[in-house]
Amino acid sequence: MTNLGALRGGPITEVCRWEDDYWEMFAGPGPDVPEGEGRLVPLGCVLAADPSLAPVVELAVGEGLWRDGEGGGWNRWERQATPG
């Protein structure tokens, strides 16, 4: 899943793997993607368009990466400890 901003050439800055065969990759913050702008695209197509996304295939389910912009280094999302 990606958004129109990424498909129009915007740098993907957030990635999360939610299932074995399902990633969400957005240009900009995922929660800010307007409803109706999400698109299902084969992972290979996204990787072919932006080889800097290669590290996303190594993510375990539930892990994510973010970066400040195109060409920036990837950072892992840190999971917040659950209270209790």
PDB file of N, CA and C in Angstrom:
ATOM      1  N   MET A   1       0.856  -1.170   0.000  1.00  0.00           N
ATOM      2  CA  MET A   1       0.000   0.000   0.000  1.00  0.00           C
ATOM      3  C   MET A   1       0.896   1.225   0.000  1.00  0.00           C
ATOM      4  N   THR A   2       0.579   2.155  -0.836  1.00  0.00           N
ATOM      5  CA  THR A   2       1.297   3.423  -0.865  1.00  0.00           C
ATOM      6  C   THR A   2       0.284   4.532  -1.127  1.00  0.00           C
ATOM      7  N   ASN A   3       0.757   5.742  -1.268  1.00  0.00           N
ATOM      8  CA  ASN A   3      -0.149   6.858  -1.508  1.00  0.00           C
ATOM      9  C   ASN A   3       0.178   7.536  -2.835  1.00  0.00           C
ATOM     10  N   LEU A   4      -0.742   8.374  -3.293  1.00  0.00           N
ATOM     11  CA  LEU A   4      -0.549   9.049  -4.573  1.00  0.00           C
ATOM     12  C   LEU A   4       0.692   9.931  -4.563  1.00  0.00           C
ATOM     13  N   GLY A   5       1.016  10.516  -3.424  1.00  0.00           N
ATOM     14  CA  GLY A   5       2.223  11.344  -3.344  1.00  0.00           C
ATOM     15  C   GLY A   5       3.464  10.557  -3.719  1.00  0.00           C
ATOM     16  N   ALA A   6       3.565   9.327  -3.245  1.00  0.00           N
ATOM     17  CA  ALA A   6       4.709   8.478  -3.583  1.00  0.00           C
ATOM     18  C   ALA A   6       4.665   8.076  -5.051  1.00  0.00           C
ATOM     19  N   LEU A   7       3.484   7.754  -5.556  1.00  0.00           N
ATOM     20  CA  LEU A   7       3.370   7.347  -6.955  1.00  0.00           C
ATOM     21  C   LEU A   7       3.656   8.496  -7.922  1.00  0.00           C
ATOM     22  N   ARG A   8       3.512   9.712  -7.431  1.00  0.00           N
ATOM     23  CA  ARG A   8       3.815  10.890  -8.268  1.00  0.00           C
ATOM     24  C   ARG A   8       5.264  11.337  -8.115  1.00  0.00           C
ATOM     25  N   GLY A   9       6.065  10.545  -7.394  1.00  0.00           N
ATOM     26  CA  GLY A   9       7.494  10.835  -7.293  1.00  0.00           C
ATOM     27  C   GLY A   9       7.972  11.379  -5.971  1.00  0.00           C
ATOM     28  N   GLY A  10       7.083  11.580  -5.019  1.00  0.00           N
ATOM     29  CA  GLY A  10       7.505  12.055  -3.702  1.00  0.00           C
ATOM     30  C   GLY A  10       8.306  10.976  -2.987  1.00  0.00           C
ATOM     31  N   PRO A  11       9.301  11.356  -2.194  1.00  0.00           N
ATOM     32  CA  PRO A  11      10.104  10.351  -1.495  1.00  0.00           C
ATOM     33  C   PRO A  11       9.301   9.633  -0.415  1.00  0.00           C
ATOM     34  N   ILE A  12       9.396   8.325  -0.418  1.00  0.00           N
ATOM     35  CA  ILE A  12       8.759   7.533   0.633  1.00  0.00           C
ATOM     36  C   ILE A  12       9.584   7.717   1.899  1.00  0.00           C
ATOM     37  N   THR A  13       8.920   8.135   2.953  1.00  0.00           N
ATOM     38  CA  THR A  13       9.617   8.441   4.203  1.00  0.00           C
ATOM     39  C   THR A  13       9.186   7.560   5.363  1.00  0.00           C
ATOM     40  N   GLU A  14       8.107   6.803   5.208  1.00  0.00           N
ATOM     41  CA  GLU A  14       7.638   5.908   6.262  1.00  0.00           C
ATOM     42  C   GLU A  14       7.274   4.559   5.664  1.00  0.00           C
ATOM     43  N   VAL A  15       7.711   3.499   6.319  1.00  0.00           N
ATOM     44  CA  VAL A  15       7.393   2.145   5.880  1.00  0.00           C
ATOM     45  C   VAL A  15       7.107   1.287   7.106  1.00  0.00           C
ATOM     46  N   CYS A  16       6.078   0.479   7.033  1.00  0.00           N
ATOM     47  CA  CYS A  16       5.808  -0.501   8.078  1.00  0.00           C
ATOM     48  C   CYS A  16       5.324  -1.780   7.423  1.00  0.00           C
ATOM     49  N   ARG A  17       5.764  -2.892   7.966  1.00  0.00           N
ATOM     50  CA  ARG A  17       5.314  -4.196   7.478  1.00  0.00           C
ATOM     51  C   ARG A  17       4.289  -4.735   8.466  1.00  0.00           C
ATOM     52  N   TRP A  18       3.049  -4.892   8.004  1.00  0.00           N
ATOM     53  CA  TRP A  18       1.961  -5.302   8.881  1.00  0.00           C
ATOM     54  C   TRP A  18       1.644  -6.787   8.788  1.00  0.00           C
ATOM     55  N   GLU A  19       1.951  -7.420   7.656  1.00  0.00           N
ATOM     56  CA  GLU A  19       1.706  -8.843   7.456  1.00  0.00           C
ATOM     57  C   GLU A  19       2.850  -9.406   6.627  1.00  0.00           C
ATOM     58  N   ASP A  20       2.888 -10.721   6.474  1.00  0.00           N
ATOM     59  CA  ASP A  20       3.966 -11.339   5.696  1.00  0.00           C
ATOM     60  C   ASP A  20       4.102 -10.719   4.312  1.00  0.00           C
ATOM     61  N   ASP A  21       2.994 -10.441   3.663  1.00  0.00           N
ATOM     62  CA  ASP A  21       3.021  -9.904   2.304  1.00  0.00           C
ATOM     63  C   ASP A  21       2.333  -8.549   2.191  1.00  0.00           C
ATOM     64  N   TYR A  22       2.435  -7.731   3.231  1.00  0.00           N
ATOM     65  CA  TYR A  22       1.769  -6.428   3.200  1.00  0.00           C
ATOM     66  C   TYR A  22       2.612  -5.384   3.911  1.00  0.00           C
ATOM     67  N   TRP A  23       3.035  -4.376   3.145  1.00  0.00           N
ATOM     68  CA  TRP A  23       3.769  -3.228   3.666  1.00  0.00           C
ATOM     69  C   TRP A  23       2.948  -1.978   3.376  1.00  0.00           C
ATOM     70  N   GLU A  24       3.091  -0.968   4.216  1.00  0.00           N
ATOM     71  CA  GLU A  24       2.567   0.357   3.930  1.00  0.00           C
ATOM     72  C   GLU A  24       3.755   1.278   3.796  1.00  0.00           C
ATOM     73  N   MET A  25       3.806   2.026   2.680  1.00  0.00           N
ATOM     74  CA  MET A  25       4.916   2.926   2.370  1.00  0.00           C
ATOM     75  C   MET A  25       4.322   4.251   1.922  1.00  0.00           C
ATOM     76  N   PHE A  26       4.647   5.311   2.646  1.00  0.00           N
ATOM     77  CA  PHE A  26       4.029   6.594   2.346  1.00  0.00           C
ATOM     78  C   PHE A  26       5.048   7.700   2.158  1.00  0.00           C
ATOM     79  N   ALA A  27       4.733   8.594   1.238  1.00  0.00           N
ATOM     80  CA  ALA A  27       5.444   9.858   1.124  1.00  0.00           C
ATOM     81  C   ALA A  27       4.752  10.786   2.122  1.00  0.00           C
ATOM     82  N   GLY A  28       5.430  11.085   3.207  1.00  0.00           N
ATOM     83  CA  GLY A  28       4.823  11.868   4.275  1.00  0.00           C
ATOM     84  C   GLY A  28       4.272  10.958   5.344  1.00  0.00           C
ATOM     85  N   PRO A  29       3.761  11.535   6.415  1.00  0.00           N
ATOM     86  CA  PRO A  29       3.239  10.741   7.521  1.00  0.00           C
ATOM     87  C   PRO A  29       2.002   9.930   7.118  1.00  0.00           C
ATOM     88  N   GLY A  30       2.028   8.645   7.400  1.00  0.00           N
ATOM     89  CA  GLY A  30       0.913   7.773   7.064  1.00  0.00           C
ATOM     90  C   GLY A  30      -0.434   8.250   7.585  1.00  0.00           C
ATOM     91  N   PRO A  31      -0.509   8.707   8.852  1.00  0.00           N
ATOM     92  CA  PRO A  31      -1.809   9.157   9.363  1.00  0.00           C
ATOM     93  C   PRO A  31      -2.360  10.382   8.628  1.00  0.00           C
ATOM     94  N   ASP A  32      -1.495  11.116   7.906  1.00  0.00           N
ATOM     95  CA  ASP A  32      -1.942  12.317   7.193  1.00  0.00           C
ATOM     96  C   ASP A  32      -2.386  12.030   5.758  1.00  0.00           C
ATOM     97  N   VAL A  33      -2.301  10.778   5.320  1.00  0.00           N
ATOM     98  CA  VAL A  33      -2.714  10.439   3.960  1.00  0.00           C
ATOM     99  C   VAL A  33      -4.239  10.538   3.875  1.00  0.00           C
ATOM    100  N   PRO A  34      -4.736  11.400   2.981  1.00  0.00           N
ATOM    101  CA  PRO A  34      -6.188  11.546   2.867  1.00  0.00           C
ATOM    102  C   PRO A  34      -6.859  10.239   2.440  1.00  0.00           C
ATOM    103  N   GLU A  35      -8.034  10.016   2.965  1.00  0.00           N
ATOM    104  CA  GLU A  35      -8.798   8.835   2.578  1.00  0.00           C
ATOM    105  C   GLU A  35      -9.009   8.871   1.064  1.00  0.00           C
ATOM    106  N   GLY A  36      -8.847   7.772   0.425  1.00  0.00           N
ATOM    107  CA  GLY A  36      -9.014   7.706  -1.020  1.00  0.00           C
ATOM    108  C   GLY A  36      -7.722   7.862  -1.796  1.00  0.00           C
ATOM    109  N   GLU A  37      -6.619   8.196  -1.119  1.00  0.00           N
ATOM    110  CA  GLU A  37      -5.344   8.350  -1.821  1.00  0.00           C
ATOM    111  C   GLU A  37      -4.429   7.143  -1.678  1.00  0.00           C
ATOM    112  N   GLY A  38      -4.872   6.112  -0.992  1.00  0.00           N
ATOM    113  CA  GLY A  38      -4.088   4.897  -0.869  1.00  0.00           C
ATOM    114  C   GLY A  38      -4.241   4.026  -2.110  1.00  0.00           C
ATOM    115  N   ARG A  39      -3.160   3.365  -2.500  1.00  0.00           N
ATOM    116  CA  ARG A  39      -3.190   2.478  -3.658  1.00  0.00           C
ATOM    117  C   ARG A  39      -2.391   1.213  -3.359  1.00  0.00           C
ATOM    118  N   LEU A  40      -2.933   0.060  -3.761  1.00  0.00           N
ATOM    119  CA  LEU A  40      -2.194  -1.193  -3.661  1.00  0.00           C
ATOM    120  C   LEU A  40      -1.315  -1.320  -4.895  1.00  0.00           C
ATOM    121  N   VAL A  41      -0.027  -1.494  -4.650  1.00  0.00           N
ATOM    122  CA  VAL A  41       0.965  -1.572  -5.727  1.00  0.00           C
ATOM    123  C   VAL A  41       1.896  -2.729  -5.398  1.00  0.00           C
ATOM    124  N   PRO A  42       2.297  -3.524  -6.384  1.00  0.00           N
ATOM    125  CA  PRO A  42       3.247  -4.603  -6.091  1.00  0.00           C
ATOM    126  C   PRO A  42       4.555  -4.050  -5.515  1.00  0.00           C
ATOM    127  N   LEU A  43       5.066  -4.725  -4.500  1.00  0.00           N
ATOM    128  CA  LEU A  43       6.299  -4.290  -3.843  1.00  0.00           C
ATOM    129  C   LEU A  43       7.436  -4.145  -4.853  1.00  0.00           C
ATOM    130  N   GLY A  44       7.540  -5.071  -5.786  1.00  0.00           N
ATOM    131  CA  GLY A  44       8.608  -5.025  -6.784  1.00  0.00           C
ATOM    132  C   GLY A  44       8.587  -3.752  -7.608  1.00  0.00           C
ATOM    133  N   CYS A  45       7.410  -3.241  -7.903  1.00  0.00           N
ATOM    134  CA  CYS A  45       7.308  -1.989  -8.674  1.00  0.00           C
ATOM    135  C   CYS A  45       7.852  -0.816  -7.875  1.00  0.00           C
ATOM    136  N   VAL A  46       7.526  -0.782  -6.588  1.00  0.00           N
ATOM    137  CA  VAL A  46       8.005   0.305  -5.738  1.00  0.00           C
ATOM    138  C   VAL A  46       9.525   0.216  -5.590  1.00  0.00           C
ATOM    139  N   LEU A  47      10.047  -0.997  -5.394  1.00  0.00           N
ATOM    140  CA  LEU A  47      11.498  -1.181  -5.256  1.00  0.00           C
ATOM    141  C   LEU A  47      12.231  -0.831  -6.550  1.00  0.00           C
ATOM    142  N   ALA A  48      11.634  -1.138  -7.687  1.00  0.00           N
ATOM    143  CA  ALA A  48      12.262  -0.805  -8.967  1.00  0.00           C
ATOM    144  C   ALA A  48      12.336   0.708  -9.167  1.00  0.00           C
ATOM    145  N   ALA A  49      11.321   1.417  -8.697  1.00  0.00           N
ATOM    146  CA  ALA A  49      11.294   2.878  -8.837  1.00  0.00           C
ATOM    147  C   ALA A  49      12.238   3.565  -7.864  1.00  0.00           C
ATOM    148  N   ASP A  50      12.483   2.946  -6.697  1.00  0.00           N
ATOM    149  CA  ASP A  50      13.339   3.556  -5.676  1.00  0.00           C
ATOM    150  C   ASP A  50      14.157   2.471  -4.980  1.00  0.00           C
ATOM    151  N   PRO A  51      15.342   2.154  -5.508  1.00  0.00           N
ATOM    152  CA  PRO A  51      16.179   1.110  -4.912  1.00  0.00           C
ATOM    153  C   PRO A  51      16.600   1.387  -3.470  1.00  0.00           C
ATOM    154  N   SER A  52      16.501   2.639  -3.005  1.00  0.00           N
ATOM    155  CA  SER A  52      16.871   2.933  -1.614  1.00  0.00           C
ATOM    156  C   SER A  52      15.887   2.305  -0.627  1.00  0.00           C
ATOM    157  N   LEU A  53      14.793   1.751  -1.135  1.00  0.00           N
ATOM    158  CA  LEU A  53      13.812   1.091  -0.282  1.00  0.00           C
ATOM    159  C   LEU A  53      14.160  -0.368   0.000  1.00  0.00           C
ATOM    160  N   ALA A  54      15.251  -0.864  -0.536  1.00  0.00           N
ATOM    161  CA  ALA A  54      15.631  -2.272  -0.383  1.00  0.00           C
ATOM    162  C   ALA A  54      15.591  -2.763   1.072  1.00  0.00           C
ATOM    163  N   PRO A  55      15.983  -1.973   2.074  1.00  0.00           N
ATOM    164  CA  PRO A  55      15.949  -2.482   3.454  1.00  0.00           C
ATOM    165  C   PRO A  55      14.563  -2.891   3.949  1.00  0.00           C
ATOM    166  N   VAL A  56      13.503  -2.437   3.294  1.00  0.00           N
ATOM    167  CA  VAL A  56      12.164  -2.763   3.782  1.00  0.00           C
ATOM    168  C   VAL A  56      11.842  -4.249   3.659  1.00  0.00           C
ATOM    169  N   VAL A  57      12.496  -4.958   2.751  1.00  0.00           N
ATOM    170  CA  VAL A  57      12.199  -6.384   2.602  1.00  0.00           C
ATOM    171  C   VAL A  57      12.723  -7.186   3.794  1.00  0.00           C
ATOM    172  N   GLU A  58      13.620  -6.609   4.577  1.00  0.00           N
ATOM    173  CA  GLU A  58      14.176  -7.283   5.754  1.00  0.00           C
ATOM    174  C   GLU A  58      13.363  -7.050   7.023  1.00  0.00           C
ATOM    175  N   LEU A  59      12.342  -6.208   6.952  1.00  0.00           N
ATOM    176  CA  LEU A  59      11.533  -5.922   8.135  1.00  0.00           C
ATOM    177  C   LEU A  59      10.736  -7.152   8.554  1.00  0.00           C
ATOM    178  N   ALA A  60      10.667  -7.381   9.851  1.00  0.00           N
ATOM    179  CA  ALA A  60       9.769  -8.395  10.392  1.00  0.00           C
ATOM    180  C   ALA A  60       8.370  -7.791  10.487  1.00  0.00           C
ATOM    181  N   VAL A  61       7.364  -8.622  10.538  1.00  0.00           N
ATOM    182  CA  VAL A  61       5.996  -8.143  10.700  1.00  0.00           C
ATOM    183  C   VAL A  61       5.922  -7.299  11.971  1.00  0.00           C
ATOM    184  N   GLY A  62       5.345  -6.109  11.851  1.00  0.00           N
ATOM    185  CA  GLY A  62       5.218  -5.188  12.973  1.00  0.00           C
ATOM    186  C   GLY A  62       6.345  -4.182  13.099  1.00  0.00           C
ATOM    187  N   GLU A  63       7.394  -4.313  12.278  1.00  0.00           N
ATOM    188  CA  GLU A  63       8.517  -3.363  12.317  1.00  0.00           C
ATOM    189  C   GLU A  63       8.327  -2.270  11.276  1.00  0.00           C
ATOM    190  N   GLY A  64       8.994  -1.153  11.505  1.00  0.00           N
ATOM    191  CA  GLY A  64       8.895  -0.037  10.589  1.00  0.00           C
ATOM    192  C   GLY A  64      10.186   0.744  10.490  1.00  0.00           C
ATOM    193  N   LEU A  65      10.275   1.547   9.427  1.00  0.00           N
ATOM    194  CA  LEU A  65      11.416   2.424   9.186  1.00  0.00           C
ATOM    195  C   LEU A  65      10.898   3.810   8.831  1.00  0.00           C
ATOM    196  N   TRP A  66      11.710   4.820   9.115  1.00  0.00           N
ATOM    197  CA  TRP A  66      11.391   6.183   8.696  1.00  0.00           C
ATOM    198  C   TRP A  66      12.684   6.890   8.336  1.00  0.00           C
ATOM    199  N   ARG A  67      12.558   7.935   7.537  1.00  0.00           N
ATOM    200  CA  ARG A  67      13.692   8.783   7.180  1.00  0.00           C
ATOM    201  C   ARG A  67      13.176  10.195   6.939  1.00  0.00           C
ATOM    202  N   ASP A  68      14.099  11.148   6.973  1.00  0.00           N
ATOM    203  CA  ASP A  68      13.705  12.549   6.812  1.00  0.00           C
ATOM    204  C   ASP A  68      13.365  12.908   5.372  1.00  0.00           C
ATOM    205  N   GLY A  69      13.922  12.219   4.414  1.00  0.00           N
ATOM    206  CA  GLY A  69      13.633  12.511   3.014  1.00  0.00           C
ATOM    207  C   GLY A  69      14.382  11.558   2.113  1.00  0.00           C
ATOM    208  N   GLU A  70      14.185  11.720   0.820  1.00  0.00           N
ATOM    209  CA  GLU A  70      14.840  10.857  -0.155  1.00  0.00           C
ATOM    210  C   GLU A  70      16.351  10.931   0.015  1.00  0.00           C
ATOM    211  N   GLY A  71      16.980   9.798   0.048  1.00  0.00           N
ATOM    212  CA  GLY A  71      18.426   9.756   0.215  1.00  0.00           C
ATOM    213  C   GLY A  71      18.871   9.754   1.662  1.00  0.00           C
ATOM    214  N   GLY A  72      17.967  10.056   2.570  1.00  0.00           N
ATOM    215  CA  GLY A  72      18.307  10.017   3.987  1.00  0.00           C
ATOM    216  C   GLY A  72      18.429   8.588   4.467  1.00  0.00           C
ATOM    217  N   GLY A  73      19.184   8.400   5.519  1.00  0.00           N
ATOM    218  CA  GLY A  73      19.340   7.062   6.079  1.00  0.00           C
ATOM    219  C   GLY A  73      18.073   6.615   6.788  1.00  0.00           C
ATOM    220  N   TRP A  74      17.848   5.316   6.770  1.00  0.00           N
ATOM    221  CA  TRP A  74      16.675   4.758   7.429  1.00  0.00           C
ATOM    222  C   TRP A  74      16.903   4.630   8.931  1.00  0.00           C
ATOM    223  N   ASN A  75      15.857   4.897   9.691  1.00  0.00           N
ATOM    224  CA  ASN A  75      15.838   4.746  11.143  1.00  0.00           C
ATOM    225  C   ASN A  75      14.747   3.746  11.494  1.00  0.00           C
ATOM    226  N   ARG A  76      15.004   2.903  12.481  1.00  0.00           N
ATOM    227  CA  ARG A  76      13.978   1.945  12.922  1.00  0.00           C
ATOM    228  C   ARG A  76      13.020   2.634  13.883  1.00  0.00           C
ATOM    229  N   TRP A  77      11.753   2.282  13.743  1.00  0.00           N
ATOM    230  CA  TRP A  77      10.780   2.730  14.724  1.00  0.00           C
ATOM    231  C   TRP A  77      11.011   1.959  15.989  1.00  0.00           C
ATOM    232  N   GLU A  78      11.032   2.655  17.072  1.00  0.00           N
ATOM    233  CA  GLU A  78      11.164   2.017  18.376  1.00  0.00           C
ATOM    234  C   GLU A  78       9.771   1.746  18.915  1.00  0.00           C
ATOM    235  N   ARG A  79       9.553   0.536  19.359  1.00  0.00           N
ATOM    236  CA  ARG A  79       8.256   0.193  19.934  1.00  0.00           C
ATOM    237  C   ARG A  79       8.145   0.779  21.329  1.00  0.00           C
ATOM    238  N   GLN A  80       7.018   1.349  21.607  1.00  0.00           N
ATOM    239  CA  GLN A  80       6.753   1.919  22.927  1.00  0.00           C
ATOM    240  C   GLN A  80       6.383   0.787  23.874  1.00  0.00           C
ATOM    241  N   ALA A  81       6.936   0.819  25.058  1.00  0.00           N
ATOM    242  CA  ALA A  81       6.577  -0.183  26.065  1.00  0.00           C
ATOM    243  C   ALA A  81       5.116   0.012  26.474  1.00  0.00           C
ATOM    244  N   THR A  82       4.422  -1.076  26.614  1.00  0.00           N
ATOM    245  CA  THR A  82       3.027  -1.027  27.040  1.00  0.00           C
ATOM    246  C   THR A  82       2.965  -0.947  28.561  1.00  0.00           C
ATOM    247  N   PRO A  83       2.258   0.057  29.092  1.00  0.00           N
ATOM    248  CA  PRO A  83       2.169   0.172  30.556  1.00  0.00           C
ATOM    249  C   PRO A  83       1.511  -1.064  31.161  1.00  0.00           C
ATOM    250  N   GLY A  84       1.996  -1.403  32.345  1.00  0.00           N
ATOM    251  CA  GLY A  84       1.374  -2.502  33.071  1.00  0.00           C
ATOM    252  C   GLY A  84       2.167  -3.688  33.033  1.00  0.00           C
TER     253      GLY A  84
END
